[in-house]
Amino acid sequence: MKNIAIFASYNGSGFDALYEAINQQKIDINISVVISNNSDANVIQKAKKRQIPNFVINERKYPNQNISNIIIDILKEYNCDIIFLSGYMKKIDTILIEKFKIYNAHPSLLPKFGGKGMYGRYVHEAVIKSRQKYSGVTIHEVTKNYDEGQIVLQKSLQLNENETVDSLETKIKQLEKLAIVEAFKDKIL
């Protein structure tokens, strides 16, 4: 069984999807640790409630220290094979990319609407503004460039004529949960 680490900055909905899939025996992995850069992140409370080791790692908590080295030490301690980014809002350091397999869920059909600053509602706003007929979710490997890693899986949906940013965001979040579990079950493991 592979041990994975979840990196999240806020709610960690991908963490929820994987946790539920593990409990339903849909995938055979262990979430061994949760790491956030945000001390107020809801994902930390979820990890505590689920009795999963969790850490807040940021420059405020560890001034003048190499954050990546701290993270690597934690990942080694918890025998992590894979890192999954669930709304992690920090650029991943090259040293982590070189040492671990890292995957991300992006709320569009890459390569459209990817890159620096393209996350969450910004993506959905851009999709609506450009009058796209389809959007979706991309699970991809993480590289040193935002959203340019090899695509593992994509799931798409058709937009309604009167689609709003809010309605699209809700649909994409539901699709994302399915895509994450499917990617781990059929492609990543």
N, C-alpha and C. Protein backbone atom coordinates (compact mmCIF):
# COMPACT_ATOMS: atom_id res chain seq x y z
N MET A 1 0.83 -1.18 0.00
CA MET A 1 0.00 0.00 0.00
C MET A 1 0.88 1.25 0.00
N LYS A 2 0.54 2.19 -0.85
CA LYS A 2 1.30 3.44 -0.95
C LYS A 2 0.84 4.43 0.12
N ASN A 3 1.82 5.15 0.65
CA ASN A 3 1.53 6.24 1.58
C ASN A 3 1.54 7.54 0.81
N ILE A 4 0.50 8.35 0.99
CA ILE A 4 0.48 9.63 0.31
C ILE A 4 0.39 10.77 1.32
N ALA A 5 0.90 11.91 0.88
CA ALA A 5 0.78 13.15 1.64
C ALA A 5 -0.18 14.05 0.88
N ILE A 6 -1.02 14.74 1.63
CA ILE A 6 -1.91 15.73 1.05
C ILE A 6 -1.37 17.10 1.41
N PHE A 7 -1.20 17.95 0.40
CA PHE A 7 -0.83 19.35 0.62
C PHE A 7 -2.07 20.18 0.29
N ALA A 8 -2.52 21.01 1.20
CA ALA A 8 -3.70 21.84 0.96
C ALA A 8 -3.55 23.16 1.71
N SER A 9 -4.11 24.22 1.12
CA SER A 9 -4.05 25.54 1.75
C SER A 9 -5.36 25.96 2.42
N TYR A 10 -6.46 25.34 2.03
CA TYR A 10 -7.76 25.75 2.57
C TYR A 10 -8.59 24.55 3.02
N ASN A 11 -9.57 24.16 2.21
CA ASN A 11 -10.50 23.10 2.62
C ASN A 11 -10.02 21.69 2.31
N GLY A 12 -9.28 21.51 1.24
CA GLY A 12 -8.79 20.18 0.90
C GLY A 12 -9.88 19.23 0.45
N SER A 13 -10.70 19.66 -0.51
CA SER A 13 -11.80 18.79 -0.97
C SER A 13 -11.27 17.51 -1.62
N GLY A 14 -10.08 17.57 -2.20
CA GLY A 14 -9.47 16.35 -2.74
C GLY A 14 -9.09 15.38 -1.64
N PHE A 15 -8.69 15.90 -0.50
CA PHE A 15 -8.42 15.09 0.68
C PHE A 15 -9.69 14.36 1.09
N ASP A 16 -10.81 15.08 1.10
CA ASP A 16 -12.10 14.46 1.44
C ASP A 16 -12.43 13.32 0.48
N ALA A 17 -12.25 13.58 -0.82
CA ALA A 17 -12.58 12.57 -1.83
C ALA A 17 -11.75 11.31 -1.64
N LEU A 18 -10.45 11.48 -1.41
CA LEU A 18 -9.58 10.32 -1.22
C LEU A 18 -9.89 9.60 0.09
N TYR A 19 -10.13 10.35 1.15
CA TYR A 19 -10.46 9.75 2.44
C TYR A 19 -11.72 8.90 2.34
N GLU A 20 -12.74 9.44 1.69
CA GLU A 20 -13.99 8.70 1.51
C GLU A 20 -13.78 7.45 0.66
N ALA A 21 -12.99 7.57 -0.41
CA ALA A 21 -12.73 6.43 -1.29
C ALA A 21 -11.97 5.32 -0.56
N ILE A 22 -11.06 5.71 0.32
CA ILE A 22 -10.32 4.72 1.12
C ILE A 22 -11.30 3.99 2.04
N ASN A 23 -12.15 4.75 2.71
CA ASN A 23 -13.12 4.15 3.64
C ASN A 23 -14.12 3.25 2.93
N GLN A 24 -14.42 3.55 1.68
CA GLN A 24 -15.33 2.72 0.89
C GLN A 24 -14.59 1.61 0.15
N GLN A 25 -13.30 1.49 0.43
CA GLN A 25 -12.43 0.46 -0.16
C GLN A 25 -12.41 0.52 -1.69
N LYS A 26 -12.49 1.74 -2.23
CA LYS A 26 -12.38 1.93 -3.68
C LYS A 26 -10.92 2.03 -4.11
N ILE A 27 -10.07 2.52 -3.21
CA ILE A 27 -8.64 2.61 -3.50
C ILE A 27 -7.86 2.14 -2.28
N ASP A 28 -6.69 1.58 -2.56
CA ASP A 28 -5.85 1.00 -1.52
C ASP A 28 -4.62 1.88 -1.30
N ILE A 29 -4.83 2.99 -0.58
CA ILE A 29 -3.74 3.87 -0.22
C ILE A 29 -3.92 4.27 1.23
N ASN A 30 -2.87 4.87 1.79
CA ASN A 30 -2.92 5.39 3.14
C ASN A 30 -2.54 6.87 3.10
N ILE A 31 -3.41 7.72 3.61
CA ILE A 31 -3.05 9.14 3.76
C ILE A 31 -2.25 9.23 5.05
N SER A 32 -0.95 9.35 4.90
CA SER A 32 -0.10 9.27 6.10
C SER A 32 0.17 10.63 6.74
N VAL A 33 -0.03 11.72 5.99
CA VAL A 33 0.22 13.04 6.56
C VAL A 33 -0.47 14.11 5.72
N VAL A 34 -0.87 15.18 6.39
CA VAL A 34 -1.45 16.36 5.73
C VAL A 34 -0.57 17.55 6.07
N ILE A 35 -0.21 18.32 5.04
CA ILE A 35 0.63 19.50 5.23
C ILE A 35 -0.08 20.71 4.63
N SER A 36 -0.08 21.80 5.39
CA SER A 36 -0.66 23.05 4.90
C SER A 36 0.32 24.19 5.14
N ASN A 37 0.21 25.21 4.32
CA ASN A 37 0.99 26.42 4.53
C ASN A 37 0.18 27.46 5.31
N ASN A 38 -1.08 27.12 5.63
CA ASN A 38 -2.02 28.06 6.22
C ASN A 38 -2.49 27.54 7.59
N SER A 39 -2.13 28.25 8.64
CA SER A 39 -2.49 27.78 10.00
C SER A 39 -4.00 27.80 10.24
N ASP A 40 -4.76 28.54 9.43
CA ASP A 40 -6.22 28.59 9.57
C ASP A 40 -6.94 27.64 8.62
N ALA A 41 -6.21 26.80 7.92
CA ALA A 41 -6.81 25.92 6.91
C ALA A 41 -7.75 24.90 7.55
N ASN A 42 -8.92 24.78 6.98
CA ASN A 42 -9.91 23.81 7.44
C ASN A 42 -9.38 22.38 7.32
N VAL A 43 -8.51 22.15 6.36
CA VAL A 43 -7.98 20.80 6.14
C VAL A 43 -7.22 20.29 7.37
N ILE A 44 -6.61 21.18 8.13
CA ILE A 44 -5.89 20.77 9.34
C ILE A 44 -6.87 20.24 10.38
N GLN A 45 -8.00 20.92 10.53
CA GLN A 45 -9.02 20.45 11.48
C GLN A 45 -9.58 19.09 11.05
N LYS A 46 -9.79 18.93 9.73
CA LYS A 46 -10.28 17.65 9.22
C LYS A 46 -9.28 16.53 9.50
N ALA A 47 -8.00 16.82 9.29
CA ALA A 47 -6.97 15.81 9.54
C ALA A 47 -6.93 15.43 11.02
N LYS A 48 -7.04 16.43 11.89
CA LYS A 48 -7.05 16.15 13.33
C LYS A 48 -8.24 15.27 13.70
N LYS A 49 -9.40 15.61 13.17
CA LYS A 49 -10.62 14.84 13.47
C LYS A 49 -10.47 13.40 12.98
N ARG A 50 -9.76 13.23 11.86
CA ARG A 50 -9.57 11.89 11.28
C ARG A 50 -8.32 11.20 11.82
N GLN A 51 -7.68 11.83 12.79
CA GLN A 51 -6.48 11.30 13.44
C GLN A 51 -5.35 11.02 12.45
N ILE A 52 -5.18 11.95 11.51
CA ILE A 52 -4.09 11.87 10.54
C ILE A 52 -3.07 12.92 10.93
N PRO A 53 -1.79 12.54 11.04
CA PRO A 53 -0.76 13.52 11.39
C PRO A 53 -0.82 14.72 10.43
N ASN A 54 -0.65 15.92 10.99
CA ASN A 54 -0.78 17.13 10.18
C ASN A 54 0.19 18.19 10.66
N PHE A 55 0.61 19.02 9.72
CA PHE A 55 1.61 20.04 10.01
C PHE A 55 1.30 21.31 9.24
N VAL A 56 1.56 22.43 9.89
CA VAL A 56 1.53 23.72 9.20
C VAL A 56 2.98 24.13 9.01
N ILE A 57 3.35 24.28 7.75
CA ILE A 57 4.74 24.63 7.42
C ILE A 57 4.70 25.91 6.57
N ASN A 58 5.23 26.98 7.14
CA ASN A 58 5.32 28.24 6.39
C ASN A 58 6.46 29.09 6.94
N GLU A 59 6.73 30.19 6.25
CA GLU A 59 7.85 31.06 6.62
C GLU A 59 7.62 31.73 7.98
N ARG A 60 6.37 32.00 8.34
CA ARG A 60 6.10 32.62 9.63
C ARG A 60 6.44 31.68 10.78
N LYS A 61 6.10 30.43 10.59
CA LYS A 61 6.35 29.44 11.65
C LYS A 61 7.82 29.02 11.70
N TYR A 62 8.47 29.04 10.56
CA TYR A 62 9.88 28.62 10.47
C TYR A 62 10.70 29.70 9.78
N PRO A 63 10.86 30.86 10.43
CA PRO A 63 11.62 31.95 9.79
C PRO A 63 13.09 31.56 9.58
N ASN A 64 13.61 32.02 8.47
CA ASN A 64 15.03 31.79 8.13
C ASN A 64 15.41 30.32 8.05
N GLN A 65 14.44 29.46 7.74
CA GLN A 65 14.74 28.04 7.56
C GLN A 65 14.32 27.61 6.17
N ASN A 66 14.92 26.54 5.70
CA ASN A 66 14.57 26.01 4.38
C ASN A 66 13.29 25.18 4.51
N ILE A 67 12.19 25.75 4.03
CA ILE A 67 10.88 25.11 4.15
C ILE A 67 10.86 23.75 3.46
N SER A 68 11.47 23.69 2.28
CA SER A 68 11.46 22.42 1.53
C SER A 68 12.15 21.31 2.29
N ASN A 69 13.25 21.62 2.96
CA ASN A 69 13.95 20.59 3.74
C ASN A 69 13.10 20.11 4.92
N ILE A 70 12.37 21.02 5.54
CA ILE A 70 11.47 20.64 6.63
C ILE A 70 10.40 19.69 6.10
N ILE A 71 9.83 20.05 4.95
CA ILE A 71 8.80 19.20 4.34
C ILE A 71 9.36 17.83 3.97
N ILE A 72 10.54 17.81 3.37
CA ILE A 72 11.16 16.53 2.99
C ILE A 72 11.36 15.64 4.20
N ASP A 73 11.83 16.21 5.29
CA ASP A 73 12.03 15.42 6.51
C ASP A 73 10.72 14.80 7.00
N ILE A 74 9.63 15.57 6.95
CA ILE A 74 8.32 15.05 7.36
C ILE A 74 7.87 13.94 6.42
N LEU A 75 8.03 14.16 5.12
CA LEU A 75 7.61 13.15 4.15
C LEU A 75 8.39 11.85 4.32
N LYS A 76 9.67 11.97 4.61
CA LYS A 76 10.48 10.77 4.86
C LYS A 76 10.04 10.07 6.14
N GLU A 77 9.77 10.86 7.18
CA GLU A 77 9.33 10.29 8.46
C GLU A 77 8.05 9.48 8.30
N TYR A 78 7.15 9.94 7.42
CA TYR A 78 5.87 9.26 7.22
C TYR A 78 5.85 8.37 5.97
N ASN A 79 7.05 8.08 5.46
CA ASN A 79 7.23 7.13 4.34
C ASN A 79 6.32 7.44 3.15
N CYS A 80 6.26 8.69 2.76
CA CYS A 80 5.37 9.08 1.66
C CYS A 80 5.98 8.73 0.31
N ASP A 81 5.15 8.10 -0.52
CA ASP A 81 5.53 7.76 -1.88
C ASP A 81 5.04 8.82 -2.87
N ILE A 82 3.91 9.43 -2.56
CA ILE A 82 3.22 10.33 -3.48
C ILE A 82 2.73 11.55 -2.70
N ILE A 83 2.76 12.70 -3.37
CA ILE A 83 2.16 13.92 -2.83
C ILE A 83 0.98 14.28 -3.73
N PHE A 84 -0.14 14.61 -3.12
CA PHE A 84 -1.29 15.10 -3.88
C PHE A 84 -1.62 16.52 -3.43
N LEU A 85 -1.68 17.43 -4.38
CA LEU A 85 -2.00 18.82 -4.09
C LEU A 85 -3.50 19.02 -4.17
N SER A 86 -4.09 19.39 -3.07
CA SER A 86 -5.54 19.60 -2.99
C SER A 86 -5.79 21.07 -2.67
N GLY A 87 -5.61 21.90 -3.69
CA GLY A 87 -5.77 23.34 -3.47
C GLY A 87 -4.61 23.92 -2.69
N TYR A 88 -3.40 23.48 -3.01
CA TYR A 88 -2.21 24.00 -2.35
C TYR A 88 -1.74 25.22 -3.12
N MET A 89 -1.67 26.35 -2.45
CA MET A 89 -1.46 27.63 -3.12
C MET A 89 -0.01 28.11 -3.10
N LYS A 90 0.93 27.23 -2.92
CA LYS A 90 2.34 27.60 -2.97
C LYS A 90 3.00 26.84 -4.12
N LYS A 91 3.94 27.52 -4.77
CA LYS A 91 4.69 26.85 -5.84
C LYS A 91 5.57 25.77 -5.21
N ILE A 92 5.58 24.61 -5.83
CA ILE A 92 6.35 23.48 -5.32
C ILE A 92 7.82 23.65 -5.73
N ASP A 93 8.70 23.54 -4.75
CA ASP A 93 10.13 23.68 -4.98
C ASP A 93 10.65 22.52 -5.83
N THR A 94 11.61 22.82 -6.67
CA THR A 94 12.19 21.83 -7.58
C THR A 94 12.72 20.61 -6.83
N ILE A 95 13.29 20.81 -5.66
CA ILE A 95 13.85 19.67 -4.92
C ILE A 95 12.76 18.65 -4.56
N LEU A 96 11.56 19.12 -4.26
CA LEU A 96 10.45 18.21 -3.97
C LEU A 96 10.03 17.47 -5.24
N ILE A 97 9.99 18.19 -6.35
CA ILE A 97 9.61 17.58 -7.63
C ILE A 97 10.60 16.49 -8.02
N GLU A 98 11.86 16.70 -7.71
CA GLU A 98 12.90 15.72 -8.04
C GLU A 98 12.82 14.48 -7.15
N LYS A 99 12.37 14.62 -5.93
CA LYS A 99 12.38 13.52 -4.96
C LYS A 99 11.08 12.73 -4.87
N PHE A 100 9.96 13.34 -5.29
CA PHE A 100 8.65 12.70 -5.11
C PHE A 100 7.80 12.79 -6.36
N LYS A 101 6.88 11.83 -6.50
CA LYS A 101 5.83 11.92 -7.52
C LYS A 101 4.77 12.83 -6.94
N ILE A 102 4.45 13.89 -7.67
CA ILE A 102 3.49 14.87 -7.18
C ILE A 102 2.40 15.06 -8.24
N TYR A 103 1.15 15.05 -7.77
CA TYR A 103 0.00 15.20 -8.67
C TYR A 103 -0.88 16.34 -8.19
N ASN A 104 -1.57 16.95 -9.15
CA ASN A 104 -2.45 18.07 -8.85
C ASN A 104 -3.77 17.88 -9.60
N ALA A 105 -4.83 18.41 -9.02
CA ALA A 105 -6.12 18.49 -9.71
C ALA A 105 -6.33 19.94 -10.11
N HIS A 106 -6.54 20.17 -11.40
CA HIS A 106 -6.75 21.53 -11.90
C HIS A 106 -8.16 21.65 -12.45
N PRO A 107 -8.88 22.75 -12.13
CA PRO A 107 -10.29 22.86 -12.50
C PRO A 107 -10.56 23.37 -13.92
N SER A 108 -9.81 22.85 -14.89
CA SER A 108 -10.09 23.12 -16.29
C SER A 108 -9.51 21.99 -17.12
N LEU A 109 -9.81 22.04 -18.41
CA LEU A 109 -9.24 21.07 -19.34
C LEU A 109 -7.92 21.63 -19.86
N LEU A 110 -6.85 21.34 -19.14
CA LEU A 110 -5.54 21.82 -19.55
C LEU A 110 -5.23 21.32 -20.96
N PRO A 111 -4.53 22.08 -21.77
CA PRO A 111 -3.75 23.26 -21.40
C PRO A 111 -4.55 24.57 -21.32
N LYS A 112 -5.84 24.53 -21.60
CA LYS A 112 -6.64 25.75 -21.48
C LYS A 112 -6.75 26.16 -20.02
N PHE A 113 -6.64 27.46 -19.79
CA PHE A 113 -6.90 28.08 -18.49
C PHE A 113 -5.99 27.54 -17.38
N GLY A 114 -4.72 27.35 -17.72
CA GLY A 114 -3.74 26.95 -16.73
C GLY A 114 -2.70 28.03 -16.57
N GLY A 115 -1.77 27.80 -15.68
CA GLY A 115 -0.66 28.73 -15.48
C GLY A 115 -0.80 29.52 -14.19
N LYS A 116 0.17 30.38 -13.97
CA LYS A 116 0.22 31.17 -12.74
C LYS A 116 -1.04 32.02 -12.60
N GLY A 117 -1.62 31.99 -11.42
CA GLY A 117 -2.81 32.79 -11.13
C GLY A 117 -4.12 32.16 -11.58
N MET A 118 -4.04 31.02 -12.25
CA MET A 118 -5.26 30.35 -12.72
C MET A 118 -5.61 29.23 -11.75
N TYR A 119 -6.47 29.57 -10.81
CA TYR A 119 -6.95 28.59 -9.84
C TYR A 119 -8.36 29.00 -9.41
N GLY A 120 -9.09 28.00 -8.94
CA GLY A 120 -10.43 28.24 -8.39
C GLY A 120 -11.32 29.08 -9.27
N ARG A 121 -11.94 30.08 -8.67
CA ARG A 121 -12.92 30.92 -9.37
C ARG A 121 -12.32 31.65 -10.57
N TYR A 122 -11.02 31.97 -10.51
CA TYR A 122 -10.39 32.66 -11.65
C TYR A 122 -10.50 31.82 -12.91
N VAL A 123 -10.34 30.53 -12.76
CA VAL A 123 -10.46 29.62 -13.90
C VAL A 123 -11.90 29.65 -14.42
N HIS A 124 -12.85 29.50 -13.53
CA HIS A 124 -14.26 29.44 -13.95
C HIS A 124 -14.71 30.76 -14.59
N GLU A 125 -14.23 31.88 -14.04
CA GLU A 125 -14.53 33.18 -14.64
C GLU A 125 -13.99 33.26 -16.06
N ALA A 126 -12.77 32.79 -16.27
CA ALA A 126 -12.16 32.82 -17.60
C ALA A 126 -12.90 31.90 -18.57
N VAL A 127 -13.34 30.74 -18.10
CA VAL A 127 -14.09 29.81 -18.94
C VAL A 127 -15.40 30.45 -19.40
N ILE A 128 -16.13 31.05 -18.46
CA ILE A 128 -17.41 31.69 -18.78
C ILE A 128 -17.19 32.89 -19.73
N LYS A 129 -16.21 33.71 -19.41
CA LYS A 129 -15.94 34.91 -20.21
C LYS A 129 -15.59 34.57 -21.66
N SER A 130 -14.88 33.47 -21.85
CA SER A 130 -14.46 33.09 -23.21
C SER A 130 -15.50 32.23 -23.93
N ARG A 131 -16.64 32.05 -23.27
CA ARG A 131 -17.79 31.36 -23.88
C ARG A 131 -17.46 29.92 -24.32
N GLN A 132 -16.75 29.22 -23.47
CA GLN A 132 -16.41 27.82 -23.75
C GLN A 132 -17.68 26.97 -23.70
N LYS A 133 -17.71 25.95 -24.51
CA LYS A 133 -18.84 25.01 -24.49
C LYS A 133 -18.59 23.89 -23.47
N TYR A 134 -17.31 23.62 -23.19
CA TYR A 134 -16.92 22.55 -22.26
C TYR A 134 -15.90 23.06 -21.26
N SER A 135 -15.92 22.45 -20.10
CA SER A 135 -14.87 22.64 -19.11
C SER A 135 -14.67 21.29 -18.45
N GLY A 136 -13.89 21.26 -17.40
CA GLY A 136 -13.67 19.97 -16.76
C GLY A 136 -12.56 20.03 -15.74
N VAL A 137 -11.97 18.88 -15.51
CA VAL A 137 -10.93 18.70 -14.50
C VAL A 137 -9.78 17.95 -15.13
N THR A 138 -8.58 18.37 -14.80
CA THR A 138 -7.38 17.68 -15.25
C THR A 138 -6.57 17.24 -14.03
N ILE A 139 -6.24 15.98 -13.98
CA ILE A 139 -5.29 15.47 -12.98
C ILE A 139 -3.96 15.35 -13.73
N HIS A 140 -2.93 15.99 -13.20
CA HIS A 140 -1.65 16.00 -13.92
C HIS A 140 -0.48 15.90 -12.95
N GLU A 141 0.65 15.49 -13.51
CA GLU A 141 1.88 15.47 -12.73
C GLU A 141 2.35 16.91 -12.55
N VAL A 142 3.01 17.18 -11.45
CA VAL A 142 3.51 18.51 -11.17
C VAL A 142 4.95 18.62 -11.64
N THR A 143 5.23 19.69 -12.36
CA THR A 143 6.58 20.02 -12.81
C THR A 143 6.93 21.41 -12.29
N LYS A 144 8.10 21.90 -12.67
CA LYS A 144 8.52 23.22 -12.19
C LYS A 144 7.67 24.35 -12.77
N ASN A 145 6.96 24.09 -13.87
CA ASN A 145 6.08 25.10 -14.46
C ASN A 145 4.63 24.79 -14.12
N TYR A 146 3.90 25.82 -13.74
CA TYR A 146 2.49 25.63 -13.37
C TYR A 146 1.71 24.92 -14.47
N ASP A 147 1.02 23.85 -14.10
CA ASP A 147 0.03 23.18 -14.94
C ASP A 147 0.56 22.67 -16.27
N GLU A 148 1.85 22.34 -16.34
CA GLU A 148 2.42 21.85 -17.59
C GLU A 148 2.84 20.38 -17.54
N GLY A 149 2.63 19.72 -16.42
CA GLY A 149 3.04 18.33 -16.29
C GLY A 149 2.17 17.39 -17.11
N GLN A 150 2.66 16.18 -17.26
CA GLN A 150 1.94 15.17 -18.04
C GLN A 150 0.54 14.96 -17.48
N ILE A 151 -0.43 14.94 -18.39
CA ILE A 151 -1.82 14.74 -18.01
C ILE A 151 -2.05 13.26 -17.71
N VAL A 152 -2.62 13.01 -16.54
CA VAL A 152 -2.93 11.65 -16.11
C VAL A 152 -4.36 11.29 -16.51
N LEU A 153 -5.28 12.24 -16.33
CA LEU A 153 -6.69 11.98 -16.60
C LEU A 153 -7.43 13.31 -16.75
N GLN A 154 -8.40 13.33 -17.66
CA GLN A 154 -9.29 14.48 -17.79
C GLN A 154 -10.73 14.01 -17.81
N LYS A 155 -11.59 14.78 -17.18
CA LYS A 155 -13.03 14.54 -17.22
C LYS A 155 -13.68 15.87 -17.61
N SER A 156 -14.63 15.81 -18.52
CA SER A 156 -15.23 17.05 -18.99
C SER A 156 -16.73 17.08 -18.76
N LEU A 157 -17.26 18.29 -18.86
CA LEU A 157 -18.71 18.48 -18.79
C LEU A 157 -19.09 19.61 -19.74
N GLN A 158 -20.32 19.59 -20.18
CA GLN A 158 -20.81 20.62 -21.08
C GLN A 158 -21.44 21.74 -20.27
N LEU A 159 -21.14 22.98 -20.66
CA LEU A 159 -21.72 24.13 -19.99
C LEU A 159 -23.12 24.40 -20.51
N ASN A 160 -23.99 24.86 -19.64
CA ASN A 160 -25.32 25.30 -20.05
C ASN A 160 -25.22 26.69 -20.66
N GLU A 161 -26.22 27.06 -21.42
CA GLU A 161 -26.23 28.39 -22.03
C GLU A 161 -26.20 29.50 -20.98
N ASN A 162 -26.85 29.27 -19.86
CA ASN A 162 -26.92 30.28 -18.81
C ASN A 162 -26.00 29.97 -17.64
N GLU A 163 -24.89 29.30 -17.91
CA GLU A 163 -23.94 28.91 -16.86
C GLU A 163 -23.39 30.14 -16.16
N THR A 164 -23.27 30.06 -14.85
CA THR A 164 -22.65 31.13 -14.06
C THR A 164 -21.36 30.59 -13.45
N VAL A 165 -20.56 31.50 -12.95
CA VAL A 165 -19.33 31.08 -12.28
C VAL A 165 -19.66 30.16 -11.11
N ASP A 166 -20.69 30.52 -10.34
CA ASP A 166 -21.07 29.71 -9.18
C ASP A 166 -21.56 28.32 -9.58
N SER A 167 -22.41 28.26 -10.60
CA SER A 167 -22.94 26.95 -11.00
C SER A 167 -21.83 26.08 -11.58
N LEU A 168 -20.93 26.70 -12.35
CA LEU A 168 -19.82 25.94 -12.92
C LEU A 168 -18.88 25.45 -11.82
N GLU A 169 -18.61 26.31 -10.86
CA GLU A 169 -17.73 25.92 -9.76
C GLU A 169 -18.29 24.71 -9.01
N THR A 170 -19.58 24.73 -8.74
CA THR A 170 -20.23 23.61 -8.04
C THR A 170 -20.10 22.32 -8.85
N LYS A 171 -20.36 22.39 -10.14
CA LYS A 171 -20.27 21.20 -11.00
C LYS A 171 -18.84 20.68 -11.08
N ILE A 172 -17.89 21.59 -11.21
CA ILE A 172 -16.48 21.19 -11.33
C ILE A 172 -16.00 20.54 -10.03
N LYS A 173 -16.42 21.06 -8.89
CA LYS A 173 -16.01 20.45 -7.61
C LYS A 173 -16.52 19.01 -7.49
N GLN A 174 -17.72 18.75 -7.95
CA GLN A 174 -18.26 17.39 -7.93
C GLN A 174 -17.49 16.49 -8.90
N LEU A 175 -17.23 17.01 -10.09
CA LEU A 175 -16.49 16.25 -11.10
C LEU A 175 -15.06 15.98 -10.64
N GLU A 176 -14.49 16.96 -9.95
CA GLU A 176 -13.12 16.82 -9.46
C GLU A 176 -12.98 15.65 -8.49
N LYS A 177 -13.95 15.48 -7.60
CA LYS A 177 -13.89 14.36 -6.65
C LYS A 177 -13.86 13.02 -7.39
N LEU A 178 -14.70 12.90 -8.41
CA LEU A 178 -14.71 11.66 -9.22
C LEU A 178 -13.39 11.47 -9.94
N ALA A 179 -12.87 12.55 -10.52
CA ALA A 179 -11.63 12.47 -11.29
C ALA A 179 -10.45 12.07 -10.42
N ILE A 180 -10.38 12.63 -9.23
CA ILE A 180 -9.26 12.32 -8.32
C ILE A 180 -9.26 10.83 -7.96
N VAL A 181 -10.41 10.33 -7.57
CA VAL A 181 -10.49 8.91 -7.18
C VAL A 181 -10.19 8.02 -8.38
N GLU A 182 -10.75 8.34 -9.53
CA GLU A 182 -10.50 7.54 -10.73
C GLU A 182 -9.03 7.56 -11.12
N ALA A 183 -8.40 8.72 -11.02
CA ALA A 183 -6.97 8.83 -11.36
C ALA A 183 -6.13 7.96 -10.44
N PHE A 184 -6.41 8.01 -9.15
CA PHE A 184 -5.64 7.19 -8.22
C PHE A 184 -5.90 5.71 -8.45
N LYS A 185 -7.13 5.37 -8.67
CA LYS A 185 -7.51 3.95 -8.82
C LYS A 185 -6.94 3.35 -10.11
N ASP A 186 -7.04 4.09 -11.20
CA ASP A 186 -6.74 3.50 -12.52
C ASP A 186 -5.42 3.94 -13.14
N LYS A 187 -4.85 5.06 -12.70
CA LYS A 187 -3.67 5.60 -13.39
C LYS A 187 -2.44 5.77 -12.51
N ILE A 188 -2.63 6.23 -11.31
CA ILE A 188 -1.48 6.62 -10.47
C ILE A 188 -0.91 5.44 -9.71
N LEU A 189 -1.75 4.60 -9.15
CA LEU A 189 -1.26 3.49 -8.31
C LEU A 189 -0.77 2.31 -9.13
